[in-house]
Structures are given as structure tokens and as C-alpha cells.
Amino acid sequence: MFDQPIKNIMEKKKFLTAPPETTVSNAAKLMAHKNVGAVLVVEGERLVGIFSERDVVFRVIAQGLDAKITKLTEVMTKEPKTLEPGRSYGHALLLMQENGFRHVPVVENGRPIGIVSSRNAMDPDLEEFVFEERRREHHR
């Protein structure tokens, strides 16, 4: 698995984009609806940032900002590290571990085409089990 190219592992269907003017509140709603942990912030077709669930906690709530008026451009990670789709998943995991983040945008010719996360390293059966357990907890 670690030798496989990112393009075989990355999340294509669940990858979410939003413009920089999107409010944190709206971004969080989109993330919850798609069940994803990050939004790629895109201006035109160009990746300008990434905003994650951790950013909601550390950069918005902990700082006392109002999620309904704070824009992604104010709290996103600007110019995030990215990977090309042909790089190995092991390289992606190492990049995430060394830099302390959980999501890496996958870009081709400067355009985001997907996202890879540390969660992709989970065995597919285990990942499905975790997802189902979270869904059940949420609906109790």
C-alpha cells in the first residue's frame, strides 16, 4: 500500500472545495454533509489554501472568532504543501508526519484533483467499521 501512487488511494469523490470568501460556518456545514475533515480553498481553479477540522478548533473557536462571519481566507493554511498524483502514499504519510498535518491536497498542473489523508492508511474494512460506528453514535 505504501508504494502505491497517491492517485490510486486519494479521495476523489469526497474531496471538497470552497472559495476563500466562504464563512467558516458554511464550510463546516459542507464538511459535515460530505463527512470530510478538510476543505481545499480554491480561487478560480488555483489552490490557495486548506482548512481542516482542527483549524475550526484551534484557529476559530479557541481564538473566540465568530464562525458565521469569519472567512476561510482569514483562518486557512495559505499555500499548503501539495503532492503530485504519481508520488507514493508512503511519501504522503511521511510528509504528513513530519509536518504535523493529516490532509494533503493532490494537484496536477496547479489544479487540485483530490486529497489524501492519514485516514486512508486504515485497512478498508476497519475504515468502514469506524465510519459505521461514528454514524450510529451520531444518530443516537
C-alpha atoms as a PDB file:
ATOM      1  CA  MET A   1       0.000   0.000   0.000  1.00  0.00           C
ATOM      2  CA  PHE A   2       2.757   2.464   0.892  1.00  0.00           C
ATOM      3  CA  ASP A   3       4.377   2.040  -2.544  1.00  0.00           C
ATOM      4  CA  GLN A   4       1.141   2.703  -4.401  1.00  0.00           C
ATOM      5  CA  PRO A   5       0.769   6.019  -6.196  1.00  0.00           C
ATOM      6  CA  ILE A   6      -1.417   8.555  -4.431  1.00  0.00           C
ATOM      7  CA  LYS A   7      -3.786   8.640  -7.417  1.00  0.00           C
ATOM      8  CA  ASN A   8      -4.870   5.079  -6.530  1.00  0.00           C
ATOM      9  CA  ILE A   9      -5.595   5.951  -2.911  1.00  0.00           C
ATOM     10  CA  MET A  10      -6.708   9.583  -2.826  1.00  0.00           C
ATOM     11  CA  GLU A  11     -10.280  10.570  -2.166  1.00  0.00           C
ATOM     12  CA  LYS A  12     -11.770  11.877  -5.375  1.00  0.00           C
ATOM     13  CA  LYS A  13     -15.475  11.736  -4.634  1.00  0.00           C
ATOM     14  CA  LYS A  14     -15.269  13.159  -1.137  1.00  0.00           C
ATOM     15  CA  PHE A  15     -12.903  15.975  -1.995  1.00  0.00           C
ATOM     16  CA  LEU A  16     -14.443  19.335  -1.224  1.00  0.00           C
ATOM     17  CA  THR A  17     -13.559  22.813  -2.470  1.00  0.00           C
ATOM     18  CA  ALA A  18     -14.772  26.263  -1.478  1.00  0.00           C
ATOM     19  CA  PRO A  19     -13.837  29.840  -2.383  1.00  0.00           C
ATOM     20  CA  PRO A  20     -11.827  31.922   0.126  1.00  0.00           C
ATOM     21  CA  GLU A  21     -14.856  34.125   0.946  1.00  0.00           C
ATOM     22  CA  THR A  22     -16.805  31.152   2.344  1.00  0.00           C
ATOM     23  CA  THR A  23     -17.612  31.543   6.027  1.00  0.00           C
ATOM     24  CA  VAL A  24     -16.250  29.017   8.493  1.00  0.00           C
ATOM     25  CA  SER A  25     -19.823  28.138   9.449  1.00  0.00           C
ATOM     26  CA  ASN A  26     -20.766  27.292   5.853  1.00  0.00           C
ATOM     27  CA  ALA A  27     -17.517  25.371   5.325  1.00  0.00           C
ATOM     28  CA  ALA A  28     -18.165  23.339   8.486  1.00  0.00           C
ATOM     29  CA  LYS A  29     -21.675  22.504   7.268  1.00  0.00           C
ATOM     30  CA  LEU A  30     -20.279  21.344   3.916  1.00  0.00           C
ATOM     31  CA  MET A  31     -17.631  19.258   5.682  1.00  0.00           C
ATOM     32  CA  ALA A  32     -20.250  17.638   7.906  1.00  0.00           C
ATOM     33  CA  HIS A  33     -22.549  16.945   4.954  1.00  0.00           C
ATOM     34  CA  LYS A  34     -19.723  15.289   2.963  1.00  0.00           C
ATOM     35  CA  ASN A  35     -18.195  13.680   6.092  1.00  0.00           C
ATOM     36  CA  VAL A  36     -14.732  15.064   5.332  1.00  0.00           C
ATOM     37  CA  GLY A  37     -12.080  16.592   7.557  1.00  0.00           C
ATOM     38  CA  ALA A  38     -10.806  19.331   5.249  1.00  0.00           C
ATOM     39  CA  VAL A  39     -11.801  21.801   2.550  1.00  0.00           C
ATOM     40  CA  LEU A  40      -9.481  22.801  -0.267  1.00  0.00           C
ATOM     41  CA  VAL A  41      -9.750  26.561  -0.680  1.00  0.00           C
ATOM     42  CA  VAL A  42      -9.751  27.384  -4.382  1.00  0.00           C
ATOM     43  CA  GLU A  43      -9.733  30.674  -6.236  1.00  0.00           C
ATOM     44  CA  GLY A  44     -10.701  30.080  -9.857  1.00  0.00           C
ATOM     45  CA  GLU A  45      -9.039  26.714 -10.416  1.00  0.00           C
ATOM     46  CA  ARG A  46      -5.983  27.502  -8.279  1.00  0.00           C
ATOM     47  CA  LEU A  47      -5.447  26.050  -4.812  1.00  0.00           C
ATOM     48  CA  VAL A  48      -4.818  28.909  -2.370  1.00  0.00           C
ATOM     49  CA  GLY A  49      -5.288  27.150   0.973  1.00  0.00           C
ATOM     50  CA  ILE A  50      -6.639  24.306   3.050  1.00  0.00           C
ATOM     51  CA  PHE A  51      -8.971  24.461   6.042  1.00  0.00           C
ATOM     52  CA  SER A  52      -9.361  21.472   8.363  1.00  0.00           C
ATOM     53  CA  GLU A  53     -11.486  20.383  11.284  1.00  0.00           C
ATOM     54  CA  ARG A  54      -8.520  21.119  13.551  1.00  0.00           C
ATOM     55  CA  ASP A  55      -8.468  24.681  12.204  1.00  0.00           C
ATOM     56  CA  VAL A  56     -12.069  25.089  13.364  1.00  0.00           C
ATOM     57  CA  VAL A  57     -10.975  24.274  16.904  1.00  0.00           C
ATOM     58  CA  PHE A  58      -7.566  25.977  17.101  1.00  0.00           C
ATOM     59  CA  ARG A  59      -7.951  28.962  14.772  1.00  0.00           C
ATOM     60  CA  VAL A  60     -11.619  29.802  15.214  1.00  0.00           C
ATOM     61  CA  ILE A  61     -13.225  28.554  18.440  1.00  0.00           C
ATOM     62  CA  ALA A  62     -10.105  28.780  20.641  1.00  0.00           C
ATOM     63  CA  GLN A  63      -9.472  32.322  19.344  1.00  0.00           C
ATOM     64  CA  GLY A  64     -13.053  33.405  20.062  1.00  0.00           C
ATOM     65  CA  LEU A  65     -13.871  34.154  16.426  1.00  0.00           C
ATOM     66  CA  ASP A  66     -17.434  34.116  15.112  1.00  0.00           C
ATOM     67  CA  ALA A  67     -17.756  31.241  12.626  1.00  0.00           C
ATOM     68  CA  LYS A  68     -20.710  32.942  10.944  1.00  0.00           C
ATOM     69  CA  ILE A  69     -18.661  35.940   9.827  1.00  0.00           C
ATOM     70  CA  THR A  70     -15.067  34.653   9.759  1.00  0.00           C
ATOM     71  CA  LYS A  71     -13.974  33.827   6.204  1.00  0.00           C
ATOM     72  CA  LEU A  72     -11.796  30.872   5.270  1.00  0.00           C
ATOM     73  CA  THR A  73      -9.172  33.239   3.876  1.00  0.00           C
ATOM     74  CA  GLU A  74      -8.647  34.568   7.427  1.00  0.00           C
ATOM     75  CA  VAL A  75      -8.008  31.198   9.093  1.00  0.00           C
ATOM     76  CA  MET A  76      -6.888  28.741   6.390  1.00  0.00           C
ATOM     77  CA  THR A  77      -3.371  27.445   5.882  1.00  0.00           C
ATOM     78  CA  LYS A  78      -2.183  29.507   2.939  1.00  0.00           C
ATOM     79  CA  GLU A  79      -0.174  27.851   0.165  1.00  0.00           C
ATOM     80  CA  PRO A  80      -0.292  24.363   1.699  1.00  0.00           C
ATOM     81  CA  LYS A  81       2.197  21.669   0.838  1.00  0.00           C
ATOM     82  CA  THR A  82       0.892  19.542  -2.023  1.00  0.00           C
ATOM     83  CA  LEU A  83       1.721  16.329  -3.812  1.00  0.00           C
ATOM     84  CA  GLU A  84       1.565  15.164  -7.408  1.00  0.00           C
ATOM     85  CA  PRO A  85      -0.670  12.119  -8.074  1.00  0.00           C
ATOM     86  CA  GLY A  86       2.292   9.920  -9.059  1.00  0.00           C
ATOM     87  CA  ARG A  87       4.053  10.207  -5.675  1.00  0.00           C
ATOM     88  CA  SER A  88       3.847   7.215  -3.360  1.00  0.00           C
ATOM     89  CA  TYR A  89       1.391   7.030  -0.494  1.00  0.00           C
ATOM     90  CA  GLY A  90       4.347   6.348   1.822  1.00  0.00           C
ATOM     91  CA  HIS A  91       5.827   9.700   0.787  1.00  0.00           C
ATOM     92  CA  ALA A  92       2.494  11.370   1.584  1.00  0.00           C
ATOM     93  CA  LEU A  93       2.374   9.775   5.048  1.00  0.00           C
ATOM     94  CA  LEU A  94       5.936  10.855   5.761  1.00  0.00           C
ATOM     95  CA  LEU A  95       5.136  14.429   4.676  1.00  0.00           C
ATOM     96  CA  MET A  96       2.092  14.485   6.967  1.00  0.00           C
ATOM     97  CA  GLN A  97       4.002  13.029   9.912  1.00  0.00           C
ATOM     98  CA  GLU A  98       6.975  15.375   9.556  1.00  0.00           C
ATOM     99  CA  ASN A  99       4.769  18.469   9.270  1.00  0.00           C
ATOM    100  CA  GLY A 100       2.039  17.569  11.755  1.00  0.00           C
ATOM    101  CA  PHE A 101      -0.976  17.619   9.472  1.00  0.00           C
ATOM    102  CA  ARG A 102      -3.500  14.983   8.396  1.00  0.00           C
ATOM    103  CA  HIS A 103      -4.515  16.066   4.889  1.00  0.00           C
ATOM    104  CA  VAL A 104      -2.518  16.842   1.752  1.00  0.00           C
ATOM    105  CA  PRO A 105      -4.026  18.279  -1.436  1.00  0.00           C
ATOM    106  CA  VAL A 106      -3.177  16.371  -4.604  1.00  0.00           C
ATOM    107  CA  VAL A 107      -2.543  18.711  -7.518  1.00  0.00           C
ATOM    108  CA  GLU A 108      -1.894  18.280 -11.192  1.00  0.00           C
ATOM    109  CA  ASN A 109      -0.721  21.241 -13.258  1.00  0.00           C
ATOM    110  CA  GLY A 110      -1.519  23.515 -10.300  1.00  0.00           C
ATOM    111  CA  ARG A 111      -5.139  22.322 -10.089  1.00  0.00           C
ATOM    112  CA  PRO A 112      -6.439  20.314  -7.127  1.00  0.00           C
ATOM    113  CA  ILE A 113      -7.671  16.886  -8.252  1.00  0.00           C
ATOM    114  CA  GLY A 114      -8.129  15.188  -4.885  1.00  0.00           C
ATOM    115  CA  ILE A 115      -6.956  14.917  -1.325  1.00  0.00           C
ATOM    116  CA  VAL A 116      -5.091  12.267   0.590  1.00  0.00           C
ATOM    117  CA  SER A 117      -5.370  11.844   4.328  1.00  0.00           C
ATOM    118  CA  SER A 118      -3.677   9.820   7.013  1.00  0.00           C
ATOM    119  CA  ARG A 119      -7.015   8.059   7.417  1.00  0.00           C
ATOM    120  CA  ASN A 120      -6.509   6.447   4.012  1.00  0.00           C
ATOM    121  CA  ALA A 121      -3.850   4.270   5.665  1.00  0.00           C
ATOM    122  CA  MET A 122      -6.530   2.389   7.555  1.00  0.00           C
ATOM    123  CA  ASP A 123      -7.479  -1.013   6.286  1.00  0.00           C
ATOM    124  CA  PRO A 124     -10.661  -0.531   4.178  1.00  0.00           C
ATOM    125  CA  ASP A 125     -12.667  -2.917   6.374  1.00  0.00           C
ATOM    126  CA  LEU A 126     -11.545  -1.125   9.530  1.00  0.00           C
ATOM    127  CA  GLU A 127     -12.270   2.253   7.964  1.00  0.00           C
ATOM    128  CA  GLU A 128     -15.813   1.104   7.085  1.00  0.00           C
ATOM    129  CA  PHE A 129     -16.279  -0.179  10.658  1.00  0.00           C
ATOM    130  CA  VAL A 130     -15.130   3.160  12.142  1.00  0.00           C
ATOM    131  CA  PHE A 131     -17.396   5.109   9.768  1.00  0.00           C
ATOM    132  CA  GLU A 132     -20.420   2.956  10.644  1.00  0.00           C
ATOM    133  CA  GLU A 133     -19.721   3.272  14.388  1.00  0.00           C
ATOM    134  CA  ARG A 134     -19.494   7.073  14.104  1.00  0.00           C
ATOM    135  CA  ARG A 135     -22.732   7.154  12.113  1.00  0.00           C
ATOM    136  CA  ARG A 136     -24.506   5.132  14.811  1.00  0.00           C
ATOM    137  CA  GLU A 137     -23.146   7.366  17.593  1.00  0.00           C
ATOM    138  CA  HIS A 138     -24.298  10.456  15.700  1.00  0.00           C
ATOM    139  CA  HIS A 139     -27.854   9.121  15.320  1.00  0.00           C
ATOM    140  CA  ARG A 140     -28.348   8.085  18.958  1.00  0.00           C
END
